[in-house]
Amino acid sequence: MSAPIPSELIDSVRHGETIVFCGAGLSAQAGLPTGVQLAHGLSDRIDGFDGNKDDLVEVSTTYSAMRGRHALLTFLLGRVNDDRLPPTAAHLALCGLPFTAYVSTNWDHLIERALHVHRIRHRTLVTDSELPFLQSAEVPVIKLHGTLARPDTIVVTDKDYYDLFAVRPGLASLVDGYFATKTLLFIGYALNDPDFKRIFYTCTRRFGPLRRRAYAVQRGVAAATIQVWREEHVDVIDQDALSFSRDLAAAV
């Protein structure tokens, strides 16, 4: 039986007060490789690698240092190819909802394709240079970790993460404002995912106990983990992405 969706979240989505963060789990459902699979592929190309072979950031940092940035991006672009991939049913269900904005840490274009199916005007924002062209009638699609269409924007190494908000202060300010004023919904993330923790703590630590509750969709989370995140003002909804998206669409 699916976990119920909190009425506060339904109301927030209905009134256009929700930002949805889309993680790698959504893209994996479309057939794209996971971060762990990419990390294994890279680590297999490094003789004697003795680090964490599951950690894409660690492996990418090492690979870039040994082989160069161009070699790293060439590998990633060759493995993460979404040219012919249609959006999944979960993408289509999510993108039919009245979210204020979509924030993605994925490099692919599946969200944009799903919005196109629904004929929803949107603008992809990757660097600060796109911000002045955002119009009020457009839904922002913020690609925090870059996009396949612009390899120079991809965030994957330690340095990329350290520099992320420094080199894109405009986008950082926009996302910061969302964290301060909107209800946040995380889908496609594991709660122990470093990406999830890094984004969440970077953007919320300043707002204290009065910030809005956030919601994270994930199946089979341990009770102890649920309690930890509840203290961080994050309620866990025990559903898979597709069931949740369809239930939310029906409720809204």
Protein backbone atom coordinates (compact mmCIF):
# COMPACT_ATOMS: atom_id res chain seq x y z
CA MET A 1 0.00 0.00 0.00
CA SER A 2 1.35 3.42 -0.93
CA ALA A 3 2.20 5.91 1.79
CA PRO A 4 -0.26 8.82 1.95
CA ILE A 5 0.85 12.14 0.55
CA PRO A 6 0.69 14.90 3.21
CA SER A 7 -2.12 17.37 2.60
CA GLU A 8 0.33 20.25 3.16
CA LEU A 9 2.39 19.08 0.18
CA ILE A 10 -0.70 18.67 -2.00
CA ASP A 11 -1.84 22.20 -1.14
CA SER A 12 1.62 23.60 -1.82
CA VAL A 13 1.81 21.98 -5.26
CA ARG A 14 -1.75 23.03 -6.08
CA HIS A 15 -0.91 26.67 -5.33
CA GLY A 16 2.36 26.69 -7.26
CA GLU A 17 4.51 26.90 -4.14
CA THR A 18 6.70 23.82 -4.66
CA ILE A 19 10.13 23.27 -6.17
CA VAL A 20 10.96 19.73 -7.26
CA PHE A 21 14.55 18.46 -7.15
CA CYS A 22 15.16 15.58 -9.57
CA GLY A 23 17.98 13.15 -8.82
CA ALA A 24 19.77 10.34 -10.60
CA GLY A 25 17.12 7.76 -9.71
CA LEU A 26 14.75 9.26 -12.26
CA SER A 27 17.32 9.08 -15.06
CA ALA A 28 18.31 5.52 -14.13
CA GLN A 29 14.70 4.44 -14.73
CA ALA A 30 15.09 5.68 -18.32
CA GLY A 31 18.09 3.40 -18.83
CA LEU A 32 20.93 5.84 -18.19
CA PRO A 33 23.85 4.61 -16.06
CA THR A 34 23.92 5.35 -12.36
CA GLY A 35 26.73 7.21 -10.66
CA VAL A 36 28.04 3.93 -9.24
CA GLN A 37 28.10 2.33 -12.70
CA LEU A 38 30.01 5.29 -14.10
CA ALA A 39 32.43 5.19 -11.18
CA HIS A 40 33.11 1.49 -11.77
CA GLY A 41 33.71 2.09 -15.46
CA LEU A 42 36.23 4.83 -14.70
CA SER A 43 37.99 2.99 -11.87
CA ASP A 44 38.50 -0.03 -14.13
CA ARG A 45 40.58 2.25 -16.38
CA ILE A 46 42.87 3.35 -13.54
CA ASP A 47 45.63 0.84 -12.78
CA GLY A 48 45.87 0.13 -9.07
CA PHE A 49 43.05 2.44 -8.01
CA ASP A 50 42.63 1.88 -4.27
CA GLY A 51 39.94 4.44 -3.45
CA ASN A 52 36.18 4.04 -3.18
CA LYS A 53 35.14 2.57 -6.52
CA ASP A 54 31.49 3.45 -5.84
CA ASP A 55 32.16 7.17 -5.41
CA LEU A 56 31.89 8.93 -8.78
CA VAL A 57 33.34 12.18 -7.44
CA GLU A 58 36.42 10.50 -5.97
CA VAL A 59 37.04 8.35 -9.03
CA SER A 60 36.45 11.26 -11.44
CA THR A 61 38.83 13.48 -9.50
CA THR A 62 41.55 10.84 -9.70
CA TYR A 63 40.91 10.10 -13.37
CA SER A 64 41.00 13.79 -14.28
CA ALA A 65 44.27 14.26 -12.40
CA MET A 66 45.87 11.30 -14.18
CA ARG A 67 44.38 11.53 -17.69
CA GLY A 68 43.11 15.09 -17.95
CA ARG A 69 39.73 16.77 -17.98
CA HIS A 70 39.14 16.09 -21.67
CA ALA A 71 39.59 12.34 -21.22
CA LEU A 72 37.21 12.33 -18.26
CA LEU A 73 34.45 14.18 -20.10
CA THR A 74 34.94 12.08 -23.23
CA PHE A 75 34.34 8.95 -21.17
CA LEU A 76 31.26 10.37 -19.46
CA LEU A 77 29.71 11.71 -22.66
CA GLY A 78 30.23 8.35 -24.31
CA ARG A 79 28.40 6.53 -21.52
CA VAL A 80 25.62 9.02 -20.77
CA ASN A 81 23.91 9.37 -24.13
CA ASP A 82 20.26 10.39 -23.99
CA ASP A 83 19.77 11.38 -27.64
CA ARG A 84 17.09 8.79 -28.31
CA LEU A 85 15.66 8.32 -24.83
CA PRO A 86 12.06 9.38 -24.27
CA PRO A 87 11.01 10.65 -20.84
CA THR A 88 9.75 7.96 -18.48
CA ALA A 89 6.21 7.73 -17.16
CA ALA A 90 7.48 9.28 -13.90
CA HIS A 91 8.96 12.23 -15.80
CA LEU A 92 5.70 12.75 -17.66
CA ALA A 93 3.61 12.58 -14.49
CA LEU A 94 5.88 15.01 -12.63
CA CYS A 95 6.12 17.47 -15.48
CA GLY A 96 2.37 17.72 -15.80
CA LEU A 97 2.15 19.25 -12.31
CA PRO A 98 2.23 23.00 -11.54
CA PHE A 99 5.68 23.19 -9.94
CA THR A 100 7.33 26.59 -9.60
CA ALA A 101 10.62 25.23 -10.94
CA TYR A 102 12.57 22.05 -11.58
CA VAL A 103 16.07 21.72 -10.16
CA SER A 104 18.07 18.79 -11.49
CA THR A 105 21.46 17.34 -10.70
CA ASN A 106 21.23 15.17 -13.83
CA TRP A 107 23.04 15.98 -17.07
CA ASP A 108 20.35 14.64 -19.39
CA HIS A 109 17.40 16.40 -21.04
CA LEU A 110 14.54 14.14 -19.97
CA ILE A 111 12.78 16.80 -17.88
CA GLU A 112 12.82 19.22 -20.80
CA ARG A 113 11.40 16.55 -23.12
CA ALA A 114 8.61 15.76 -20.68
CA LEU A 115 7.73 19.45 -20.35
CA HIS A 116 7.69 19.69 -24.14
CA VAL A 117 5.21 16.80 -24.30
CA HIS A 118 2.92 18.78 -21.98
CA ARG A 119 3.52 21.94 -24.04
CA ILE A 120 4.75 23.79 -20.95
CA ARG A 121 6.95 26.78 -21.68
CA HIS A 122 10.26 26.40 -19.92
CA ARG A 123 13.83 27.65 -19.99
CA THR A 124 16.91 25.62 -19.13
CA LEU A 125 19.31 27.49 -16.85
CA VAL A 126 22.85 26.14 -16.67
CA THR A 127 24.98 29.23 -16.06
CA ASP A 128 24.29 32.79 -14.96
CA SER A 129 24.32 33.97 -18.59
CA GLU A 130 20.87 32.43 -19.19
CA LEU A 131 19.20 34.13 -16.24
CA PRO A 132 18.47 37.49 -17.93
CA PHE A 133 16.45 35.68 -20.61
CA LEU A 134 14.09 33.93 -18.18
CA GLN A 135 10.53 35.19 -18.70
CA SER A 136 7.73 35.14 -16.15
CA ALA A 137 5.65 32.77 -18.28
CA GLU A 138 8.46 30.19 -18.38
CA VAL A 139 9.12 27.42 -15.88
CA PRO A 140 12.83 27.35 -14.94
CA VAL A 141 14.72 24.06 -15.32
CA ILE A 142 17.89 24.60 -13.33
CA LYS A 143 20.70 22.18 -14.16
CA LEU A 144 22.94 22.51 -11.10
CA HIS A 145 25.47 19.98 -12.33
CA GLY A 146 25.53 21.08 -15.95
CA THR A 147 24.24 19.51 -19.13
CA LEU A 148 25.40 17.06 -21.78
CA ALA A 149 24.86 19.76 -24.40
CA ARG A 150 27.63 21.85 -22.80
CA PRO A 151 30.41 19.58 -21.51
CA ASP A 152 32.26 22.54 -20.01
CA THR A 153 29.42 22.94 -17.47
CA ILE A 154 29.48 19.39 -16.11
CA VAL A 155 30.07 19.11 -12.36
CA VAL A 156 31.70 15.83 -11.34
CA THR A 157 35.08 16.32 -9.61
CA ASP A 158 35.90 17.64 -6.15
CA LYS A 159 36.94 21.00 -7.55
CA ASP A 160 33.73 21.27 -9.57
CA TYR A 161 31.70 20.87 -6.39
CA TYR A 162 33.83 23.31 -4.42
CA ASP A 163 33.44 25.93 -7.15
CA LEU A 164 29.79 25.26 -7.97
CA PHE A 165 28.14 28.18 -6.22
CA ALA A 166 31.15 30.48 -6.54
CA VAL A 167 31.22 30.38 -10.36
CA ARG A 168 27.42 30.54 -10.72
CA PRO A 169 26.40 33.08 -8.07
CA GLY A 170 23.22 34.07 -9.90
CA LEU A 171 21.90 30.51 -10.04
CA ALA A 172 23.06 29.99 -6.45
CA SER A 173 21.04 33.02 -5.38
CA LEU A 174 17.96 31.77 -7.25
CA VAL A 175 18.15 28.31 -5.67
CA ASP A 176 18.89 29.90 -2.30
CA GLY A 177 15.68 31.89 -2.59
CA TYR A 178 13.69 28.76 -3.35
CA PHE A 179 15.05 27.07 -0.24
CA ALA A 180 14.00 30.09 1.80
CA THR A 181 10.50 30.62 0.39
CA LYS A 182 9.17 27.44 -1.24
CA THR A 183 8.27 23.90 -0.27
CA LEU A 184 10.95 21.49 -1.47
CA LEU A 185 10.28 18.06 -2.93
CA PHE A 186 13.17 15.68 -3.54
CA ILE A 187 12.61 12.73 -5.87
CA GLY A 188 15.12 10.34 -7.40
CA TYR A 189 17.60 10.75 -4.53
CA ALA A 190 18.76 8.26 -1.94
CA LEU A 191 18.80 9.97 1.44
CA ASN A 192 22.40 8.84 1.98
CA ASP A 193 23.42 10.21 -1.42
CA PRO A 194 26.28 12.74 -1.01
CA ASP A 195 24.65 14.89 -3.73
CA PHE A 196 21.47 15.11 -1.73
CA LYS A 197 23.25 15.91 1.54
CA ARG A 198 25.58 18.45 -0.06
CA ILE A 199 22.79 20.43 -1.70
CA PHE A 200 20.46 20.25 1.27
CA TYR A 201 22.91 21.32 3.94
CA THR A 202 24.58 23.99 1.81
CA CYS A 203 21.29 25.73 1.11
CA THR A 204 19.32 25.23 4.34
CA ARG A 205 21.75 25.68 7.20
CA ARG A 206 21.11 29.44 7.38
CA PHE A 207 17.32 29.29 7.69
CA GLY A 208 17.03 27.50 11.02
CA PRO A 209 13.98 25.86 12.61
CA LEU A 210 11.37 28.16 11.01
CA ARG A 211 12.03 26.99 7.45
CA ARG A 212 9.29 25.10 5.63
CA ARG A 213 9.14 21.35 5.80
CA ALA A 214 10.61 19.52 2.82
CA TYR A 215 9.63 16.12 1.43
CA ALA A 216 11.70 13.27 0.06
CA VAL A 217 10.29 10.34 -1.92
CA GLN A 218 12.11 7.05 -1.40
CA ARG A 219 11.16 3.42 -0.91
CA GLY A 220 12.12 1.32 2.10
CA VAL A 221 13.91 3.89 4.26
CA ALA A 222 14.99 2.67 7.69
CA ALA A 223 13.06 4.08 10.65
CA ALA A 224 16.23 5.56 12.14
CA THR A 225 16.99 7.41 8.89
CA ILE A 226 13.44 8.75 8.76
CA GLN A 227 13.83 10.11 12.30
CA VAL A 228 17.17 11.76 11.45
CA TRP A 229 15.69 13.57 8.45
CA ARG A 230 12.51 14.49 10.33
CA GLU A 231 14.69 16.47 12.72
CA GLU A 232 16.04 18.28 9.64
CA HIS A 233 12.47 19.21 8.68
CA VAL A 234 12.31 16.59 5.90
CA ASP A 235 9.40 14.14 5.83
CA VAL A 236 10.04 10.87 3.97
CA ILE A 237 7.27 9.52 1.72
CA ASP A 238 7.65 5.78 1.23
CA GLN A 239 6.74 5.41 -2.45
CA ASP A 240 8.46 4.82 -5.76
CA ALA A 241 8.73 7.79 -8.10
CA LEU A 242 6.03 6.69 -10.55
CA SER A 243 3.37 5.76 -7.96
CA PHE A 244 4.04 8.97 -6.06
CA SER A 245 3.86 11.15 -9.17
CA ARG A 246 0.59 9.60 -10.28
CA ASP A 247 -0.94 9.83 -6.79
CA LEU A 248 0.15 13.46 -6.49
CA ALA A 249 -1.27 14.31 -9.91
CA ALA A 250 -4.59 12.72 -8.95
CA ALA A 251 -4.68 14.61 -5.64
CA VAL A 252 -3.78 17.95 -7.18
